Amino acid sequence: MRPAPAAYPGRVARWTGEWLSGPNAALGGDGEPPRWRGERLGLPESGAGAVAGGGARLLALVLDLVLASLVTSLFMRPDLQDSALMQSYNLWAGVVWAVLTVVPVTFFGFTPGMAALGIRVARLDGAAMVGGWRAFVRAVLTFLIIPAVLRNLDGRSWLDRLTGTVVIRMR
């Protein structure tokens, strides 16, 4: 006979994040809010290894999008008057953005925009490389926007929680 799901409360809370397990789970189980983002994860309050702020993450994304557009412009000349050309241009810019996001995060943990701002993706289990499936899932969920915007008390978005990662400061 299979045990009831209540026998695995920690497993459920980790997978769903804090929102399904109630307010005490969001506060760490003891009802006390964390003193800084990342405290519950064992990360420092500031400096290298601290959780990166949302502003740095957003600016890194904007830098990556601009870079993808510039790279695409090397191969296609954008023409705002030609809607068919701009559709093709935007499609290719999206493909370039995906490559500029997935490949470097897989091997190095950061995109060009993240590197410029001194932030990177780190796995919570301590592994050195983020890995391909995590980088791909992060890119897809970033493209969907909402999972990347919604954050918990540790500053981790849905895509961070789903992939077991956190964005930290490198300096």
N, C-alpha and C. Protein backbone atom coordinates (compact mmCIF):
# COMPACT_ATOMS: atom_id res chain seq x y z
N MET A 1 0.84 -1.18 0.00
CA MET A 1 0.00 0.00 0.00
C MET A 1 0.88 1.24 0.00
N ARG A 2 0.52 2.20 -0.76
CA ARG A 2 1.30 3.42 -0.91
C ARG A 2 0.98 4.42 0.20
N PRO A 3 2.02 5.06 0.82
CA PRO A 3 1.76 6.03 1.88
C PRO A 3 1.07 7.27 1.33
N ALA A 4 0.37 7.94 2.21
CA ALA A 4 -0.34 9.17 1.82
C ALA A 4 0.66 10.25 1.44
N PRO A 5 0.30 11.17 0.54
CA PRO A 5 1.20 12.25 0.14
C PRO A 5 1.68 13.10 1.30
N ALA A 6 0.92 13.16 2.40
CA ALA A 6 1.34 13.96 3.55
C ALA A 6 2.63 13.43 4.16
N ALA A 7 2.99 12.20 3.85
CA ALA A 7 4.23 11.62 4.37
C ALA A 7 5.46 12.24 3.72
N TYR A 8 5.26 12.99 2.64
CA TYR A 8 6.38 13.60 1.93
C TYR A 8 6.21 15.12 1.84
N PRO A 9 5.99 15.82 2.94
CA PRO A 9 5.72 17.25 2.85
C PRO A 9 6.90 18.05 2.32
N GLY A 10 8.12 17.68 2.65
CA GLY A 10 9.29 18.43 2.18
C GLY A 10 9.46 18.35 0.69
N ARG A 11 9.23 17.16 0.14
CA ARG A 11 9.38 16.96 -1.28
C ARG A 11 8.38 17.82 -2.07
N VAL A 12 7.14 17.86 -1.61
CA VAL A 12 6.12 18.66 -2.28
C VAL A 12 6.47 20.14 -2.18
N ALA A 13 6.88 20.58 -1.00
CA ALA A 13 7.19 22.00 -0.82
C ALA A 13 8.35 22.42 -1.71
N ARG A 14 9.36 21.56 -1.88
CA ARG A 14 10.49 21.92 -2.73
C ARG A 14 10.07 22.05 -4.18
N TRP A 15 9.23 21.12 -4.66
CA TRP A 15 8.87 21.13 -6.07
C TRP A 15 7.95 22.29 -6.41
N THR A 16 6.97 22.55 -5.57
CA THR A 16 5.99 23.58 -5.90
C THR A 16 6.44 24.96 -5.48
N GLY A 17 7.51 25.06 -4.74
CA GLY A 17 7.89 26.35 -4.18
C GLY A 17 7.14 26.55 -2.88
N GLU A 18 7.01 27.77 -2.46
CA GLU A 18 6.40 28.04 -1.17
C GLU A 18 4.92 28.31 -1.26
N TRP A 19 4.41 28.65 -2.40
CA TRP A 19 3.03 29.12 -2.52
C TRP A 19 2.00 28.04 -2.23
N LEU A 20 2.28 26.76 -2.49
CA LEU A 20 1.30 25.72 -2.27
C LEU A 20 1.32 25.19 -0.84
N SER A 21 2.41 25.34 -0.15
CA SER A 21 2.56 24.77 1.18
C SER A 21 2.10 25.71 2.28
N GLY A 22 1.67 26.89 1.95
CA GLY A 22 1.14 27.82 2.94
C GLY A 22 2.13 28.86 3.37
N PRO A 23 1.67 29.82 4.17
CA PRO A 23 2.50 30.96 4.55
C PRO A 23 3.71 30.59 5.40
N ASN A 24 3.60 29.59 6.29
CA ASN A 24 4.76 29.23 7.10
C ASN A 24 5.88 28.66 6.26
N ALA A 25 5.56 27.93 5.19
CA ALA A 25 6.59 27.40 4.30
C ALA A 25 7.30 28.53 3.59
N ALA A 26 6.56 29.57 3.22
CA ALA A 26 7.17 30.72 2.56
C ALA A 26 8.13 31.45 3.48
N LEU A 27 7.86 31.40 4.78
CA LEU A 27 8.71 32.08 5.74
C LEU A 27 9.80 31.18 6.30
N GLY A 28 9.88 29.96 5.81
CA GLY A 28 10.93 29.07 6.27
C GLY A 28 10.47 28.06 7.30
N GLY A 29 9.17 27.97 7.56
CA GLY A 29 8.65 26.97 8.47
C GLY A 29 8.50 27.44 9.90
N ASP A 30 9.31 28.40 10.35
CA ASP A 30 9.22 28.85 11.73
C ASP A 30 8.45 30.16 11.87
N GLY A 31 7.93 30.70 10.77
CA GLY A 31 7.16 31.93 10.81
C GLY A 31 8.00 33.19 10.76
N GLU A 32 9.31 33.05 10.78
CA GLU A 32 10.20 34.21 10.73
C GLU A 32 10.64 34.48 9.29
N PRO A 33 10.52 35.71 8.82
CA PRO A 33 11.01 36.01 7.48
C PRO A 33 12.54 36.00 7.46
N PRO A 34 13.13 35.66 6.32
CA PRO A 34 14.60 35.70 6.25
C PRO A 34 15.09 37.15 6.39
N ARG A 35 16.27 37.30 6.93
CA ARG A 35 16.84 38.65 7.11
C ARG A 35 17.35 39.23 5.80
N TRP A 36 17.75 38.39 4.85
CA TRP A 36 18.17 38.84 3.53
C TRP A 36 17.83 37.77 2.51
N ARG A 37 17.79 38.19 1.25
CA ARG A 37 17.51 37.23 0.18
C ARG A 37 18.64 36.21 0.12
N GLY A 38 18.30 34.94 0.14
CA GLY A 38 19.29 33.88 0.05
C GLY A 38 19.74 33.33 1.38
N GLU A 39 19.28 33.90 2.48
CA GLU A 39 19.70 33.40 3.80
C GLU A 39 19.30 31.94 3.97
N ARG A 40 18.08 31.59 3.58
CA ARG A 40 17.61 30.20 3.72
C ARG A 40 18.40 29.24 2.85
N LEU A 41 19.08 29.77 1.83
CA LEU A 41 19.88 28.93 0.93
C LEU A 41 21.34 28.86 1.38
N GLY A 42 21.68 29.58 2.43
CA GLY A 42 23.05 29.59 2.92
C GLY A 42 23.95 30.54 2.16
N LEU A 43 23.36 31.52 1.49
CA LEU A 43 24.14 32.48 0.71
C LEU A 43 24.43 33.73 1.54
N PRO A 44 25.54 34.41 1.25
CA PRO A 44 25.87 35.61 2.03
C PRO A 44 24.89 36.75 1.76
N GLU A 45 24.88 37.71 2.66
CA GLU A 45 23.99 38.86 2.55
C GLU A 45 24.40 39.79 1.41
N SER A 46 25.70 39.95 1.20
CA SER A 46 26.19 40.85 0.15
C SER A 46 27.52 40.33 -0.39
N GLY A 47 27.96 40.93 -1.47
CA GLY A 47 29.23 40.55 -2.08
C GLY A 47 29.10 39.34 -2.98
N ALA A 48 30.25 38.76 -3.32
CA ALA A 48 30.27 37.59 -4.20
C ALA A 48 29.51 36.43 -3.58
N GLY A 49 28.64 35.81 -4.36
CA GLY A 49 27.84 34.70 -3.90
C GLY A 49 26.48 35.08 -3.37
N ALA A 50 26.21 36.37 -3.19
CA ALA A 50 24.90 36.83 -2.74
C ALA A 50 23.90 36.77 -3.90
N VAL A 51 22.63 36.67 -3.58
CA VAL A 51 21.59 36.63 -4.61
C VAL A 51 21.60 37.95 -5.37
N ALA A 52 21.59 37.84 -6.71
CA ALA A 52 21.57 39.04 -7.56
C ALA A 52 20.19 39.68 -7.52
N GLY A 53 20.16 40.98 -7.61
CA GLY A 53 18.91 41.72 -7.59
C GLY A 53 18.16 41.62 -8.92
N GLY A 54 16.88 41.91 -8.86
CA GLY A 54 16.04 41.85 -10.06
C GLY A 54 16.45 42.87 -11.10
N GLY A 55 16.94 44.03 -10.68
CA GLY A 55 17.36 45.05 -11.63
C GLY A 55 18.54 44.60 -12.47
N ALA A 56 19.51 43.95 -11.85
CA ALA A 56 20.67 43.44 -12.58
C ALA A 56 20.26 42.35 -13.55
N ARG A 57 19.34 41.51 -13.12
CA ARG A 57 18.86 40.43 -14.00
C ARG A 57 18.12 41.01 -15.20
N LEU A 58 17.28 42.01 -14.98
CA LEU A 58 16.54 42.64 -16.07
C LEU A 58 17.49 43.34 -17.03
N LEU A 59 18.46 44.08 -16.51
CA LEU A 59 19.42 44.77 -17.37
C LEU A 59 20.25 43.77 -18.17
N ALA A 60 20.61 42.65 -17.57
CA ALA A 60 21.36 41.61 -18.29
C ALA A 60 20.52 41.07 -19.44
N LEU A 61 19.23 40.86 -19.21
CA LEU A 61 18.34 40.40 -20.28
C LEU A 61 18.26 41.42 -21.41
N VAL A 62 18.13 42.68 -21.05
CA VAL A 62 18.07 43.73 -22.08
C VAL A 62 19.37 43.76 -22.89
N LEU A 63 20.51 43.65 -22.22
CA LEU A 63 21.79 43.63 -22.93
C LEU A 63 21.88 42.43 -23.87
N ASP A 64 21.39 41.28 -23.43
CA ASP A 64 21.40 40.08 -24.28
C ASP A 64 20.48 40.26 -25.48
N LEU A 65 19.34 40.88 -25.29
CA LEU A 65 18.41 41.13 -26.41
C LEU A 65 19.01 42.11 -27.41
N VAL A 66 19.67 43.15 -26.92
CA VAL A 66 20.32 44.11 -27.81
C VAL A 66 21.45 43.43 -28.58
N LEU A 67 22.24 42.62 -27.90
CA LEU A 67 23.32 41.89 -28.57
C LEU A 67 22.77 40.96 -29.64
N ALA A 68 21.68 40.26 -29.33
CA ALA A 68 21.07 39.36 -30.31
C ALA A 68 20.58 40.15 -31.53
N SER A 69 20.02 41.31 -31.30
CA SER A 69 19.56 42.15 -32.40
C SER A 69 20.73 42.64 -33.25
N LEU A 70 21.82 43.02 -32.59
CA LEU A 70 23.00 43.49 -33.33
C LEU A 70 23.62 42.37 -34.16
N VAL A 71 23.70 41.18 -33.59
CA VAL A 71 24.24 40.03 -34.33
C VAL A 71 23.34 39.71 -35.52
N THR A 72 22.05 39.74 -35.31
CA THR A 72 21.10 39.49 -36.40
C THR A 72 21.24 40.54 -37.49
N SER A 73 21.52 41.77 -37.09
CA SER A 73 21.68 42.88 -38.06
C SER A 73 22.90 42.68 -38.96
N LEU A 74 23.87 41.88 -38.51
CA LEU A 74 25.02 41.59 -39.36
C LEU A 74 24.62 40.77 -40.58
N PHE A 75 23.52 40.02 -40.47
CA PHE A 75 23.10 39.13 -41.55
C PHE A 75 21.83 39.59 -42.26
N MET A 76 21.04 40.41 -41.58
CA MET A 76 19.79 40.92 -42.16
C MET A 76 19.69 42.41 -41.85
N ARG A 77 19.30 43.17 -42.84
CA ARG A 77 19.12 44.60 -42.62
C ARG A 77 17.66 44.84 -42.21
N PRO A 78 17.42 45.35 -41.00
CA PRO A 78 16.04 45.59 -40.59
C PRO A 78 15.43 46.75 -41.37
N ASP A 79 14.18 46.61 -41.73
CA ASP A 79 13.44 47.66 -42.45
C ASP A 79 12.07 47.75 -41.80
N LEU A 80 11.85 48.80 -41.02
CA LEU A 80 10.62 48.95 -40.27
C LEU A 80 9.38 49.08 -41.16
N GLN A 81 9.56 49.43 -42.41
CA GLN A 81 8.44 49.59 -43.33
C GLN A 81 7.97 48.26 -43.91
N ASP A 82 8.81 47.25 -43.87
CA ASP A 82 8.50 45.94 -44.45
C ASP A 82 8.15 44.96 -43.33
N SER A 83 6.85 44.72 -43.12
CA SER A 83 6.43 43.90 -41.99
C SER A 83 6.87 42.44 -42.14
N ALA A 84 6.87 41.91 -43.36
CA ALA A 84 7.30 40.52 -43.57
C ALA A 84 8.78 40.36 -43.23
N LEU A 85 9.59 41.32 -43.65
CA LEU A 85 11.02 41.29 -43.33
C LEU A 85 11.24 41.41 -41.83
N MET A 86 10.47 42.26 -41.16
CA MET A 86 10.63 42.45 -39.73
C MET A 86 10.19 41.20 -38.94
N GLN A 87 9.19 40.50 -39.44
CA GLN A 87 8.80 39.24 -38.80
C GLN A 87 9.95 38.24 -38.87
N SER A 88 10.56 38.16 -40.03
CA SER A 88 11.69 37.25 -40.21
C SER A 88 12.87 37.70 -39.34
N TYR A 89 13.11 39.00 -39.33
CA TYR A 89 14.20 39.56 -38.53
C TYR A 89 13.98 39.22 -37.04
N ASN A 90 12.77 39.44 -36.54
CA ASN A 90 12.48 39.17 -35.14
C ASN A 90 12.59 37.68 -34.81
N LEU A 91 12.17 36.84 -35.73
CA LEU A 91 12.31 35.39 -35.53
C LEU A 91 13.78 35.02 -35.40
N TRP A 92 14.60 35.51 -36.32
CA TRP A 92 16.03 35.19 -36.27
C TRP A 92 16.71 35.82 -35.05
N ALA A 93 16.29 37.01 -34.65
CA ALA A 93 16.84 37.63 -33.45
C ALA A 93 16.50 36.78 -32.22
N GLY A 94 15.30 36.20 -32.20
CA GLY A 94 14.91 35.31 -31.10
C GLY A 94 15.76 34.05 -31.08
N VAL A 95 16.05 33.51 -32.26
CA VAL A 95 16.90 32.32 -32.34
C VAL A 95 18.31 32.65 -31.85
N VAL A 96 18.83 33.80 -32.28
CA VAL A 96 20.17 34.22 -31.85
C VAL A 96 20.18 34.43 -30.34
N TRP A 97 19.12 35.06 -29.80
CA TRP A 97 19.04 35.26 -28.35
C TRP A 97 19.06 33.92 -27.62
N ALA A 98 18.30 32.94 -28.14
CA ALA A 98 18.26 31.62 -27.50
C ALA A 98 19.64 30.98 -27.49
N VAL A 99 20.36 31.08 -28.58
CA VAL A 99 21.71 30.51 -28.65
C VAL A 99 22.65 31.26 -27.70
N LEU A 100 22.55 32.61 -27.68
CA LEU A 100 23.40 33.41 -26.79
C LEU A 100 23.06 33.20 -25.32
N THR A 101 21.90 32.64 -25.06
CA THR A 101 21.49 32.37 -23.69
C THR A 101 21.81 30.94 -23.28
N VAL A 102 21.39 29.97 -24.08
CA VAL A 102 21.51 28.56 -23.69
C VAL A 102 22.96 28.08 -23.68
N VAL A 103 23.70 28.35 -24.72
CA VAL A 103 25.06 27.80 -24.83
C VAL A 103 25.99 28.33 -23.73
N PRO A 104 26.11 29.64 -23.53
CA PRO A 104 27.02 30.09 -22.46
C PRO A 104 26.57 29.70 -21.05
N VAL A 105 25.25 29.70 -20.80
CA VAL A 105 24.78 29.32 -19.47
C VAL A 105 25.06 27.83 -19.23
N THR A 106 24.92 27.02 -20.25
CA THR A 106 25.19 25.59 -20.11
C THR A 106 26.61 25.35 -19.61
N PHE A 107 27.58 26.00 -20.23
CA PHE A 107 28.99 25.72 -19.93
C PHE A 107 29.63 26.66 -18.91
N PHE A 108 29.22 27.94 -18.90
CA PHE A 108 29.90 28.93 -18.06
C PHE A 108 29.02 29.49 -16.95
N GLY A 109 27.69 29.37 -17.07
CA GLY A 109 26.79 29.87 -16.04
C GLY A 109 26.34 31.29 -16.23
N PHE A 110 26.72 31.92 -17.33
CA PHE A 110 26.26 33.30 -17.55
C PHE A 110 26.13 33.61 -19.03
N THR A 111 25.27 34.56 -19.32
CA THR A 111 25.11 35.07 -20.68
C THR A 111 26.07 36.25 -20.84
N PRO A 112 26.25 36.78 -22.05
CA PRO A 112 27.10 37.97 -22.20
C PRO A 112 26.61 39.14 -21.34
N GLY A 113 25.30 39.34 -21.28
CA GLY A 113 24.76 40.43 -20.45
C GLY A 113 25.02 40.21 -18.97
N MET A 114 24.90 38.97 -18.53
CA MET A 114 25.18 38.65 -17.13
C MET A 114 26.66 38.88 -16.82
N ALA A 115 27.53 38.48 -17.74
CA ALA A 115 28.97 38.67 -17.53
C ALA A 115 29.30 40.16 -17.40
N ALA A 116 28.66 40.99 -18.22
CA ALA A 116 28.90 42.42 -18.16
C ALA A 116 28.49 43.02 -16.82
N LEU A 117 27.47 42.43 -16.20
CA LEU A 117 26.97 42.96 -14.92
C LEU A 117 27.50 42.21 -13.71
N GLY A 118 28.31 41.16 -13.94
CA GLY A 118 28.91 40.44 -12.82
C GLY A 118 27.96 39.53 -12.07
N ILE A 119 27.03 38.92 -12.80
CA ILE A 119 26.13 37.95 -12.18
C ILE A 119 26.20 36.64 -12.95
N ARG A 120 25.79 35.56 -12.31
CA ARG A 120 25.82 34.26 -12.98
C ARG A 120 24.77 33.33 -12.38
N VAL A 121 24.48 32.26 -13.10
CA VAL A 121 23.56 31.23 -12.65
C VAL A 121 24.38 30.17 -11.93
N ALA A 122 23.94 29.78 -10.76
CA ALA A 122 24.62 28.73 -10.00
C ALA A 122 23.60 27.67 -9.61
N ARG A 123 24.04 26.42 -9.61
CA ARG A 123 23.18 25.33 -9.17
C ARG A 123 23.21 25.24 -7.65
N LEU A 124 22.07 24.95 -7.07
CA LEU A 124 21.98 24.84 -5.61
C LEU A 124 22.69 23.61 -5.07
N ASP A 125 22.86 22.59 -5.91
CA ASP A 125 23.54 21.38 -5.44
C ASP A 125 25.06 21.52 -5.50
N GLY A 126 25.56 22.68 -5.94
CA GLY A 126 26.99 22.94 -5.94
C GLY A 126 27.74 22.47 -7.16
N ALA A 127 27.06 21.87 -8.15
CA ALA A 127 27.74 21.41 -9.37
C ALA A 127 28.33 22.61 -10.11
N ALA A 128 29.44 22.38 -10.79
CA ALA A 128 30.15 23.46 -11.47
C ALA A 128 29.40 23.99 -12.68
N MET A 129 28.81 23.10 -13.48
CA MET A 129 28.13 23.53 -14.70
C MET A 129 26.62 23.48 -14.51
N VAL A 130 25.93 24.45 -15.11
CA VAL A 130 24.48 24.49 -15.03
C VAL A 130 23.88 23.32 -15.80
N GLY A 131 24.40 23.02 -16.97
CA GLY A 131 23.91 21.91 -17.77
C GLY A 131 22.91 22.36 -18.82
N GLY A 132 22.81 21.55 -19.88
CA GLY A 132 21.99 21.90 -21.03
C GLY A 132 20.51 21.98 -20.77
N TRP A 133 19.93 20.99 -20.08
CA TRP A 133 18.48 21.01 -19.90
C TRP A 133 18.07 22.16 -19.00
N ARG A 134 18.87 22.48 -17.96
CA ARG A 134 18.54 23.61 -17.09
C ARG A 134 18.62 24.93 -17.86
N ALA A 135 19.66 25.08 -18.67
CA ALA A 135 19.81 26.31 -19.45
C ALA A 135 18.67 26.45 -20.45
N PHE A 136 18.27 25.35 -21.07
CA PHE A 136 17.18 25.40 -22.05
C PHE A 136 15.86 25.75 -21.37
N VAL A 137 15.56 25.12 -20.24
CA VAL A 137 14.31 25.41 -19.51
C VAL A 137 14.30 26.86 -19.05
N ARG A 138 15.44 27.35 -18.56
CA ARG A 138 15.52 28.76 -18.14
C ARG A 138 15.24 29.70 -19.31
N ALA A 139 15.78 29.40 -20.49
CA ALA A 139 15.55 30.25 -21.66
C ALA A 139 14.08 30.23 -22.08
N VAL A 140 13.48 29.06 -22.11
CA VAL A 140 12.07 28.96 -22.49
C VAL A 140 11.19 29.73 -21.51
N LEU A 141 11.42 29.56 -20.22
CA LEU A 141 10.60 30.25 -19.23
C LEU A 141 10.86 31.75 -19.21
N THR A 142 12.08 32.16 -19.51
CA THR A 142 12.37 33.60 -19.63
C THR A 142 11.60 34.18 -20.81
N PHE A 143 11.55 33.43 -21.90
CA PHE A 143 10.80 33.86 -23.08
C PHE A 143 9.32 34.06 -22.74
N LEU A 144 8.78 33.24 -21.86
CA LEU A 144 7.37 33.35 -21.45
C LEU A 144 7.11 34.51 -20.49
N ILE A 145 8.14 35.12 -19.98
CA ILE A 145 8.18 36.31 -19.12
C ILE A 145 7.62 36.08 -17.71
N ILE A 146 6.37 35.66 -17.56
CA ILE A 146 5.75 35.57 -16.23
C ILE A 146 6.57 34.69 -15.27
N PRO A 147 7.02 33.48 -15.66
CA PRO A 147 7.80 32.69 -14.70
C PRO A 147 9.10 33.37 -14.28
N ALA A 148 9.63 34.24 -15.10
CA ALA A 148 10.87 34.93 -14.76
C ALA A 148 10.63 36.12 -13.84
N VAL A 149 9.42 36.63 -13.82
CA VAL A 149 9.10 37.83 -13.04
C VAL A 149 8.68 37.50 -11.61
N LEU A 150 7.91 36.44 -11.44
CA LEU A 150 7.39 36.09 -10.12
C LEU A 150 8.51 35.51 -9.26
N ARG A 151 8.71 36.10 -8.07
CA ARG A 151 9.83 35.72 -7.21
C ARG A 151 9.36 35.39 -5.79
N ASN A 152 10.18 34.61 -5.10
CA ASN A 152 9.89 34.30 -3.70
C ASN A 152 10.74 35.20 -2.80
N LEU A 153 10.72 34.92 -1.49
CA LEU A 153 11.46 35.75 -0.53
C LEU A 153 12.97 35.70 -0.73
N ASP A 154 13.46 34.65 -1.38
CA ASP A 154 14.89 34.53 -1.65
C ASP A 154 15.30 35.21 -2.95
N GLY A 155 14.35 35.83 -3.66
CA GLY A 155 14.67 36.47 -4.92
C GLY A 155 14.78 35.50 -6.08
N ARG A 156 14.31 34.27 -5.89
CA ARG A 156 14.36 33.26 -6.94
C ARG A 156 13.05 33.24 -7.69
N SER A 157 13.14 33.22 -9.00
CA SER A 157 11.94 33.17 -9.84
C SER A 157 11.50 31.72 -10.02
N TRP A 158 10.36 31.55 -10.69
CA TRP A 158 9.87 30.20 -10.95
C TRP A 158 10.89 29.39 -11.73
N LEU A 159 11.56 30.03 -12.69
CA LEU A 159 12.52 29.28 -13.49
C LEU A 159 13.71 28.85 -12.65
N ASP A 160 14.10 29.64 -11.67
CA ASP A 160 15.18 29.24 -10.75
C ASP A 160 14.75 28.04 -9.92
N ARG A 161 13.52 28.10 -9.39
CA ARG A 161 13.04 27.02 -8.53
C ARG A 161 12.83 25.73 -9.30
N LEU A 162 12.33 25.83 -10.52
CA LEU A 162 12.11 24.63 -11.33
C LEU A 162 13.42 23.94 -11.70
N THR A 163 14.46 24.71 -11.95
CA THR A 163 15.74 24.14 -12.38
C THR A 163 16.75 23.96 -11.25
N GLY A 164 16.39 24.33 -10.03
CA GLY A 164 17.31 24.15 -8.90
C GLY A 164 18.51 25.07 -8.99
N THR A 165 18.28 26.31 -9.44
CA THR A 165 19.36 27.27 -9.61
C THR A 165 19.05 28.56 -8.87
N VAL A 166 20.03 29.42 -8.80
CA VAL A 166 19.88 30.76 -8.24
C VAL A 166 20.84 31.66 -9.00
N VAL A 167 20.46 32.92 -9.21
CA VAL A 167 21.35 33.88 -9.87
C VAL A 167 22.07 34.63 -8.78
N ILE A 168 23.40 34.57 -8.81
CA ILE A 168 24.23 35.18 -7.76
C ILE A 168 25.17 36.22 -8.35
N ARG A 169 25.72 37.02 -7.47
CA ARG A 169 26.70 38.04 -7.86
C ARG A 169 28.08 37.39 -7.93
N MET A 170 28.86 37.81 -8.90
CA MET A 170 30.24 37.29 -9.03
C MET A 170 31.24 38.18 -8.34
N ARG A 171 30.85 39.39 -8.04
CA ARG A 171 31.77 40.33 -7.38
C ARG A 171 31.05 41.20 -6.39
